[in-house]
């Protein structure tokens, strides 16, 4: 019998990986002048990406 794992671990990993990816994307966008590299921008990108990932993968 296979286990799906603990949903809390999946959510934490999702947030950590989303935050990392969001920081890299915002940093790149700030280099070309598309966005400012601020904590608010990274936070917004993190939650948007984590929510999208949750909808696509976990539901």
PDB file of N, CA and C in Angstrom:
ATOM      1  N   UNK A   1       0.846  -1.171   0.000  1.00  0.00           N
ATOM      2  CA  UNK A   1       0.000   0.000   0.000  1.00  0.00           C
ATOM      3  C   UNK A   1       0.898   1.242   0.000  1.00  0.00           C
ATOM      4  N   UNK A   2       0.672   2.133  -0.942  1.00  0.00           N
ATOM      5  CA  UNK A   2       1.475   3.340  -1.062  1.00  0.00           C
ATOM      6  C   UNK A   2       0.875   4.469  -0.228  1.00  0.00           C
ATOM      7  N   UNK A   3       1.753   5.282   0.330  1.00  0.00           N
ATOM      8  CA  UNK A   3       1.315   6.416   1.131  1.00  0.00           C
ATOM      9  C   UNK A   3       1.464   7.697   0.314  1.00  0.00           C
ATOM     10  N   UNK A   4       0.506   8.597   0.435  1.00  0.00           N
ATOM     11  CA  UNK A   4       0.572   9.879  -0.265  1.00  0.00           C
ATOM     12  C   UNK A   4       1.454  10.886   0.455  1.00  0.00           C
ATOM     13  N   UNK A   5       1.799  10.631   1.694  1.00  0.00           N
ATOM     14  CA  UNK A   5       2.625  11.543   2.460  1.00  0.00           C
ATOM     15  C   UNK A   5       1.776  12.513   3.267  1.00  0.00           C
ATOM     16  N   UNK A   6       2.443  13.276   4.072  1.00  0.00           N
ATOM     17  CA  UNK A   6       1.779  14.239   4.937  1.00  0.00           C
ATOM     18  C   UNK A   6       1.572  15.544   4.166  1.00  0.00           C
ATOM     19  N   UNK A   7       0.350  16.014   4.118  1.00  0.00           N
ATOM     20  CA  UNK A   7       0.017  17.213   3.364  1.00  0.00           C
ATOM     21  C   UNK A   7       0.750  18.438   3.898  1.00  0.00           C
ATOM     22  N   UNK A   8       1.038  18.478   5.192  1.00  0.00           N
ATOM     23  CA  UNK A   8       1.759  19.624   5.765  1.00  0.00           C
ATOM     24  C   UNK A   8       3.167  19.732   5.208  1.00  0.00           C
ATOM     25  N   UNK A   9       3.818  18.597   5.018  1.00  0.00           N
ATOM     26  CA  UNK A   9       5.163  18.598   4.452  1.00  0.00           C
ATOM     27  C   UNK A   9       5.110  19.086   3.010  1.00  0.00           C
ATOM     28  N   UNK A  10       4.125  18.630   2.267  1.00  0.00           N
ATOM     29  CA  UNK A  10       3.979  19.073   0.881  1.00  0.00           C
ATOM     30  C   UNK A  10       3.723  20.577   0.788  1.00  0.00           C
ATOM     31  N   UNK A  11       2.911  21.103   1.683  1.00  0.00           N
ATOM     32  CA  UNK A  11       2.619  22.536   1.664  1.00  0.00           C
ATOM     33  C   UNK A  11       3.846  23.372   2.028  1.00  0.00           C
ATOM     34  N   UNK A  12       4.621  22.924   3.002  1.00  0.00           N
ATOM     35  CA  UNK A  12       5.839  23.647   3.388  1.00  0.00           C
ATOM     36  C   UNK A  12       6.857  23.619   2.250  1.00  0.00           C
ATOM     37  N   UNK A  13       7.029  22.456   1.629  1.00  0.00           N
ATOM     38  CA  UNK A  13       7.944  22.372   0.493  1.00  0.00           C
ATOM     39  C   UNK A  13       7.474  23.248  -0.658  1.00  0.00           C
ATOM     40  N   UNK A  14       6.172  23.271  -0.887  1.00  0.00           N
ATOM     41  CA  UNK A  14       5.610  24.118  -1.928  1.00  0.00           C
ATOM     42  C   UNK A  14       5.932  25.586  -1.654  1.00  0.00           C
ATOM     43  N   UNK A  15       5.753  26.032  -0.418  1.00  0.00           N
ATOM     44  CA  UNK A  15       6.046  27.422  -0.075  1.00  0.00           C
ATOM     45  C   UNK A  15       7.530  27.747  -0.211  1.00  0.00           C
ATOM     46  N   UNK A  16       8.386  26.846   0.243  1.00  0.00           N
ATOM     47  CA  UNK A  16       9.830  27.084   0.159  1.00  0.00           C
ATOM     48  C   UNK A  16      10.312  27.146  -1.287  1.00  0.00           C
ATOM     49  N   UNK A  17       9.873  26.214  -2.098  1.00  0.00           N
ATOM     50  CA  UNK A  17      10.299  26.209  -3.499  1.00  0.00           C
ATOM     51  C   UNK A  17       9.680  27.373  -4.273  1.00  0.00           C
ATOM     52  N   UNK A  18       8.451  27.705  -3.953  1.00  0.00           N
ATOM     53  CA  UNK A  18       7.810  28.855  -4.601  1.00  0.00           C
ATOM     54  C   UNK A  18       8.517  30.145  -4.230  1.00  0.00           C
ATOM     55  N   UNK A  19       8.924  30.282  -2.976  1.00  0.00           N
ATOM     56  CA  UNK A  19       9.633  31.483  -2.532  1.00  0.00           C
ATOM     57  C   UNK A  19      10.983  31.602  -3.235  1.00  0.00           C
ATOM     58  N   UNK A  20      11.679  30.507  -3.360  1.00  0.00           N
ATOM     59  CA  UNK A  20      12.976  30.525  -4.044  1.00  0.00           C
ATOM     60  C   UNK A  20      12.816  30.916  -5.508  1.00  0.00           C
ATOM     61  N   UNK A  21      11.875  30.272  -6.183  1.00  0.00           N
ATOM     62  CA  UNK A  21      11.653  30.574  -7.590  1.00  0.00           C
ATOM     63  C   UNK A  21      11.172  32.008  -7.773  1.00  0.00           C
ATOM     64  N   UNK A  22      10.290  32.449  -6.907  1.00  0.00           N
ATOM     65  CA  UNK A  22       9.776  33.813  -6.990  1.00  0.00           C
ATOM     66  C   UNK A  22      10.892  34.830  -6.783  1.00  0.00           C
ATOM     67  N   UNK A  23      11.779  34.584  -5.846  1.00  0.00           N
ATOM     68  CA  UNK A  23      12.899  35.500  -5.593  1.00  0.00           C
ATOM     69  C   UNK A  23      13.802  35.590  -6.816  1.00  0.00           C
ATOM     70  N   UNK A  24      14.061  34.471  -7.462  1.00  0.00           N
ATOM     71  CA  UNK A  24      14.910  34.476  -8.663  1.00  0.00           C
ATOM     72  C   UNK A  24      14.227  35.233  -9.795  1.00  0.00           C
ATOM     73  N   UNK A  25      12.933  35.004  -9.989  1.00  0.00           N
ATOM     74  CA  UNK A  25      12.201  35.683 -11.060  1.00  0.00           C
ATOM     75  C   UNK A  25      12.121  37.186 -10.799  1.00  0.00           C
ATOM     76  N   UNK A  26      11.833  37.579  -9.570  1.00  0.00           N
ATOM     77  CA  UNK A  26      11.751  39.012  -9.246  1.00  0.00           C
ATOM     78  C   UNK A  26      13.123  39.657  -9.369  1.00  0.00           C
ATOM     79  N   UNK A  27      14.161  38.964  -8.956  1.00  0.00           N
ATOM     80  CA  UNK A  27      15.516  39.492  -9.103  1.00  0.00           C
ATOM     81  C   UNK A  27      15.839  39.727 -10.583  1.00  0.00           C
ATOM     82  N   UNK A  28      15.508  38.752 -11.429  1.00  0.00           N
ATOM     83  CA  UNK A  28      15.735  38.904 -12.863  1.00  0.00           C
ATOM     84  C   UNK A  28      14.912  40.037 -13.445  1.00  0.00           C
ATOM     85  N   UNK A  29      13.669  40.155 -13.001  1.00  0.00           N
ATOM     86  CA  UNK A  29      12.812  41.237 -13.493  1.00  0.00           C
ATOM     87  C   UNK A  29      13.333  42.596 -13.033  1.00  0.00           C
ATOM     88  N   UNK A  30      13.931  42.641 -11.867  1.00  0.00           N
ATOM     89  CA  UNK A  30      14.482  43.920 -11.391  1.00  0.00           C
ATOM     90  C   UNK A  30      15.730  44.315 -12.179  1.00  0.00           C
ATOM     91  N   UNK A  31      16.458  43.341 -12.679  1.00  0.00           N
ATOM     92  CA  UNK A  31      17.644  43.655 -13.487  1.00  0.00           C
ATOM     93  C   UNK A  31      17.279  44.362 -14.786  1.00  0.00           C
ATOM     94  N   UNK A  32      16.135  43.986 -15.365  1.00  0.00           N
ATOM     95  CA  UNK A  32      15.729  44.595 -16.634  1.00  0.00           C
ATOM     96  C   UNK A  32      14.718  45.712 -16.431  1.00  0.00           C
ATOM     97  N   UNK A  33      14.393  46.032 -15.179  1.00  0.00           N
ATOM     98  CA  UNK A  33      13.535  47.162 -14.882  1.00  0.00           C
ATOM     99  C   UNK A  33      12.043  46.884 -14.929  1.00  0.00           C
ATOM    100  N   UNK A  34      11.643  45.635 -14.859  1.00  0.00           N
ATOM    101  CA  UNK A  34      10.216  45.299 -14.908  1.00  0.00           C
ATOM    102  C   UNK A  34       9.542  45.311 -13.539  1.00  0.00           C
ATOM    103  N   UNK A  35      10.296  45.070 -12.488  1.00  0.00           N
ATOM    104  CA  UNK A  35       9.727  45.019 -11.143  1.00  0.00           C
ATOM    105  C   UNK A  35      10.791  45.446 -10.146  1.00  0.00           C
ATOM    106  N   UNK A  36      10.340  45.845  -8.977  1.00  0.00           N
ATOM    107  CA  UNK A  36      11.298  46.203  -7.926  1.00  0.00           C
ATOM    108  C   UNK A  36      11.535  44.989  -7.031  1.00  0.00           C
ATOM    109  N   UNK A  37      12.769  44.837  -6.612  1.00  0.00           N
ATOM    110  CA  UNK A  37      13.146  43.701  -5.775  1.00  0.00           C
ATOM    111  C   UNK A  37      12.862  44.049  -4.314  1.00  0.00           C
ATOM    112  N   UNK A  38      11.617  43.814  -3.899  1.00  0.00           N
ATOM    113  CA  UNK A  38      11.210  44.099  -2.524  1.00  0.00           C
ATOM    114  C   UNK A  38      10.603  42.844  -1.915  1.00  0.00           C
ATOM    115  N   UNK A  39      10.514  42.852  -0.602  1.00  0.00           N
ATOM    116  CA  UNK A  39       9.925  41.708   0.100  1.00  0.00           C
ATOM    117  C   UNK A  39       8.454  41.531  -0.279  1.00  0.00           C
ATOM    118  N   UNK A  40       7.753  42.633  -0.492  1.00  0.00           N
ATOM    119  CA  UNK A  40       6.332  42.541  -0.851  1.00  0.00           C
ATOM    120  C   UNK A  40       6.144  41.892  -2.214  1.00  0.00           C
ATOM    121  N   UNK A  41       7.003  42.235  -3.164  1.00  0.00           N
ATOM    122  CA  UNK A  41       6.908  41.650  -4.503  1.00  0.00           C
ATOM    123  C   UNK A  41       7.199  40.154  -4.459  1.00  0.00           C
ATOM    124  N   UNK A  42       8.217  39.791  -3.700  1.00  0.00           N
ATOM    125  CA  UNK A  42       8.561  38.372  -3.581  1.00  0.00           C
ATOM    126  C   UNK A  42       7.451  37.619  -2.865  1.00  0.00           C
ATOM    127  N   UNK A  43       6.894  38.212  -1.826  1.00  0.00           N
ATOM    128  CA  UNK A  43       5.806  37.566  -1.083  1.00  0.00           C
ATOM    129  C   UNK A  43       4.576  37.365  -1.960  1.00  0.00           C
ATOM    130  N   UNK A  44       4.222  38.368  -2.727  1.00  0.00           N
ATOM    131  CA  UNK A  44       3.080  38.254  -3.624  1.00  0.00           C
ATOM    132  C   UNK A  44       3.320  37.171  -4.667  1.00  0.00           C
ATOM    133  N   UNK A  45       4.499  37.146  -5.241  1.00  0.00           N
ATOM    134  CA  UNK A  45       4.835  36.108  -6.211  1.00  0.00           C
ATOM    135  C   UNK A  45       4.836  34.724  -5.600  1.00  0.00           C
ATOM    136  N   UNK A  46       5.324  34.628  -4.369  1.00  0.00           N
ATOM    137  CA  UNK A  46       5.359  33.335  -3.686  1.00  0.00           C
ATOM    138  C   UNK A  46       3.964  32.781  -3.467  1.00  0.00           C
ATOM    139  N   UNK A  47       3.079  33.607  -2.939  1.00  0.00           N
ATOM    140  CA  UNK A  47       1.729  33.118  -2.669  1.00  0.00           C
ATOM    141  C   UNK A  47       0.953  32.839  -3.947  1.00  0.00           C
ATOM    142  N   UNK A  48       1.165  33.641  -4.976  1.00  0.00           N
ATOM    143  CA  UNK A  48       0.492  33.382  -6.251  1.00  0.00           C
ATOM    144  C   UNK A  48       0.964  32.063  -6.848  1.00  0.00           C
ATOM    145  N   UNK A  49       2.263  31.830  -6.839  1.00  0.00           N
ATOM    146  CA  UNK A  49       2.806  30.590  -7.389  1.00  0.00           C
ATOM    147  C   UNK A  49       2.417  29.380  -6.545  1.00  0.00           C
ATOM    148  N   UNK A  50       2.451  29.512  -5.228  1.00  0.00           N
ATOM    149  CA  UNK A  50       2.074  28.398  -4.350  1.00  0.00           C
ATOM    150  C   UNK A  50       0.599  28.054  -4.526  1.00  0.00           C
ATOM    151  N   UNK A  51      -0.254  29.067  -4.661  1.00  0.00           N
ATOM    152  CA  UNK A  51      -1.686  28.820  -4.856  1.00  0.00           C
ATOM    153  C   UNK A  51      -1.933  28.139  -6.198  1.00  0.00           C
ATOM    154  N   UNK A  52      -1.273  28.614  -7.244  1.00  0.00           N
ATOM    155  CA  UNK A  52      -1.422  27.998  -8.551  1.00  0.00           C
ATOM    156  C   UNK A  52      -0.942  26.549  -8.532  1.00  0.00           C
ATOM    157  N   UNK A  53       0.183  26.308  -7.897  1.00  0.00           N
ATOM    158  CA  UNK A  53       0.705  24.948  -7.781  1.00  0.00           C
ATOM    159  C   UNK A  53      -0.258  24.063  -7.004  1.00  0.00           C
ATOM    160  N   UNK A  54      -0.823  24.586  -5.931  1.00  0.00           N
ATOM    161  CA  UNK A  54      -1.792  23.827  -5.135  1.00  0.00           C
ATOM    162  C   UNK A  54      -3.000  23.447  -5.982  1.00  0.00           C
ATOM    163  N   UNK A  55      -3.509  24.387  -6.767  1.00  0.00           N
ATOM    164  CA  UNK A  55      -4.683  24.107  -7.591  1.00  0.00           C
ATOM    165  C   UNK A  55      -4.384  23.066  -8.663  1.00  0.00           C
ATOM    166  N   UNK A  56      -3.227  23.180  -9.294  1.00  0.00           N
ATOM    167  CA  UNK A  56      -2.898  22.285 -10.396  1.00  0.00           C
ATOM    168  C   UNK A  56      -2.507  20.893  -9.918  1.00  0.00           C
ATOM    169  N   UNK A  57      -1.696  20.817  -8.878  1.00  0.00           N
ATOM    170  CA  UNK A  57      -1.109  19.531  -8.487  1.00  0.00           C
ATOM    171  C   UNK A  57      -1.926  18.806  -7.422  1.00  0.00           C
ATOM    172  N   UNK A  58      -2.344  19.504  -6.393  1.00  0.00           N
ATOM    173  CA  UNK A  58      -2.953  18.819  -5.252  1.00  0.00           C
ATOM    174  C   UNK A  58      -4.455  18.651  -5.357  1.00  0.00           C
ATOM    175  N   UNK A  59      -5.104  19.364  -6.222  1.00  0.00           N
ATOM    176  CA  UNK A  59      -6.568  19.221  -6.333  1.00  0.00           C
ATOM    177  C   UNK A  59      -6.950  18.577  -7.601  1.00  0.00           C
TER     178      UNK A  59
END
